[in-house]
Protein backbone atom coordinates (compact mmCIF):
# COMPACT_ATOMS: atom_id res chain seq x y z
CA MET A 1 2.65 -10.34 1.37
CA GLY A 2 4.58 -10.33 4.59
CA VAL A 3 8.34 -10.67 4.18
CA TRP A 4 8.15 -10.42 0.38
CA ARG A 5 7.04 -6.79 0.58
CA GLY A 6 10.33 -5.86 2.22
CA ILE A 7 12.30 -7.92 -0.31
CA PHE A 8 10.53 -6.26 -3.26
CA TYR A 9 11.10 -2.83 -1.71
CA PHE A 10 14.83 -3.58 -1.32
CA ILE A 11 15.08 -4.80 -4.94
CA ALA A 12 13.31 -1.64 -6.17
CA ILE A 13 15.70 0.64 -4.25
CA MET A 14 18.71 -1.31 -5.54
CA GLY A 15 17.29 -0.94 -9.06
CA VAL A 16 17.14 2.84 -8.59
CA PHE A 17 20.84 2.96 -7.72
CA THR A 18 21.73 0.56 -10.52
CA GLN A 19 19.90 2.62 -13.13
CA ALA A 20 21.51 5.83 -11.87
CA ALA A 21 24.96 4.21 -12.08
CA ILE A 22 24.32 2.89 -15.60
CA LEU A 23 23.11 6.31 -16.71
CA CYS A 24 26.13 8.13 -15.29
CA VAL A 25 28.75 5.64 -16.50
CA THR A 26 27.50 4.93 -20.02
CA ALA A 27 26.01 8.25 -21.12
CA GLU A 28 28.46 10.12 -23.33
CA THR A 29 26.94 13.54 -22.63
CA PHE A 30 28.24 13.63 -19.08
CA THR A 31 31.72 14.63 -18.02
CA THR A 32 34.60 12.15 -18.14
CA ASN A 33 36.03 13.14 -14.76
CA ASN A 34 35.36 10.35 -12.23
CA SER A 35 34.70 12.68 -9.30
CA ASP A 36 32.11 14.57 -11.37
CA LYS A 37 30.52 11.27 -12.39
CA PHE A 38 30.20 10.33 -8.72
CA ILE A 39 28.50 13.65 -7.93
CA GLN A 40 26.16 13.12 -10.90
CA PHE A 41 25.46 9.58 -9.63
CA ILE A 42 24.49 11.00 -6.22
CA TRP A 43 22.13 13.58 -7.79
CA PHE A 44 20.53 11.07 -10.15
CA SER A 45 20.11 8.55 -7.33
CA LEU A 46 18.51 11.19 -5.13
CA GLY A 47 16.21 12.28 -7.96
CA PHE A 48 15.18 8.70 -8.77
CA VAL A 49 14.53 7.88 -5.10
CA VAL A 50 12.37 11.00 -4.72
CA ALA A 51 10.49 10.15 -7.95
CA ARG A 52 9.93 6.57 -6.79
CA TRP A 53 8.72 7.70 -3.37
CA THR A 54 6.38 10.30 -4.94
CA ILE A 55 4.83 7.77 -7.31
CA GLY A 56 4.50 5.23 -4.48
CA TYR A 57 2.82 7.82 -2.27
CA PHE A 58 0.20 8.84 -4.81
CA VAL A 59 -0.60 5.41 -6.28
CA ILE A 60 -3.08 3.61 -4.03
CA ASP A 61 -1.94 0.13 -2.97
CA ILE A 62 -5.32 -1.05 -1.70
CA PRO A 63 -8.56 0.06 -3.38
CA LEU A 64 -10.94 2.00 -1.15
CA LYS A 65 -13.58 -0.75 -1.36
CA TYR A 66 -11.19 -3.26 0.21
CA LYS A 67 -10.22 -0.81 2.94
CA TYR A 68 -13.91 -0.71 3.91
CA VAL A 69 -14.06 -4.52 3.82
CA MET A 70 -10.98 -4.84 6.07
CA LYS A 71 -12.42 -2.24 8.45
CA ARG A 72 -15.70 -4.19 8.49
CA HIS A 73 -13.87 -7.44 9.27
CA ARG A 74 -12.16 -5.80 12.24
CA PHE A 75 -15.53 -4.45 13.39
CA ILE A 76 -17.20 -7.88 13.15
CA ALA A 77 -14.33 -9.55 15.00
CA ASN A 78 -14.54 -6.95 17.77
CA LYS A 79 -18.32 -7.21 17.90
CA PHE A 80 -18.37 -10.98 18.31
CA LEU A 81 -15.19 -11.49 20.31
CA VAL A 82 -15.18 -8.41 22.52
CA GLY A 83 -18.91 -7.76 22.61
CA LEU A 84 -19.26 -4.31 21.07
CA PRO A 85 -22.78 -2.95 20.47
CA GLU A 86 -24.81 -4.16 17.45
CA SER A 87 -24.75 -0.96 15.37
CA SER A 88 -22.17 1.68 14.77
CA LYS A 89 -21.31 4.45 12.33
CA ASP A 90 -18.77 2.15 10.67
CA ASP A 91 -21.46 -0.48 10.13
CA ASP A 92 -23.66 2.00 8.28
CA ILE A 93 -20.74 3.30 6.19
CA PHE A 94 -19.84 -0.24 5.19
CA LYS A 95 -23.40 -1.06 4.13
CA ASN A 96 -23.57 2.09 2.01
CA LYS A 97 -20.14 1.69 0.36
CA THR A 98 -20.24 -2.03 -0.47
CA LYS A 99 -22.75 -4.58 -1.67
CA LEU A 100 -22.24 -6.94 1.25
CA ALA A 101 -24.52 -7.12 4.27
CA VAL A 102 -23.95 -9.29 7.35
CA HIS A 103 -26.99 -10.21 9.43
CA SER A 104 -26.50 -11.65 12.90
CA ALA A 105 -28.80 -13.49 15.26
CA THR A 106 -29.46 -12.35 18.80
CA ASN A 107 -26.99 -14.88 20.20
CA GLY A 108 -24.13 -13.24 18.26
CA LYS A 109 -23.63 -15.89 15.58
CA ILE A 110 -23.77 -14.95 11.92
CA LEU A 111 -27.00 -16.05 10.30
CA CYS A 112 -26.30 -15.16 6.70
CA ILE A 113 -24.27 -12.99 4.40
CA LYS A 114 -26.25 -11.39 1.60
CA PHE A 115 -25.05 -9.67 -1.52
CA ARG A 116 -27.20 -6.73 -2.52
């Protein structure tokens, strides 16, 4: 997503502060003193930021299957461009975790990609 990831992150953080401000200003159960409202705003903002970070930490952005695919792509690029050996532990893990197998010829070019 490139630059948009940073923009969405900024909008989400601004939303946290906006929601905390709306809660502190409009809720009738909180104190009417402005200095106390500011302290409540700080605490709510801190709580919302911690909650957002916690949820973001535990929710997986990229499924595990795609992490294996991206790792496999890096391995194939290194194998053909840098000249790494034909087999590795990562190669076996990828074959076991996904349904995609890449077969190469002896000259280093890809012959076929098979779905198992």
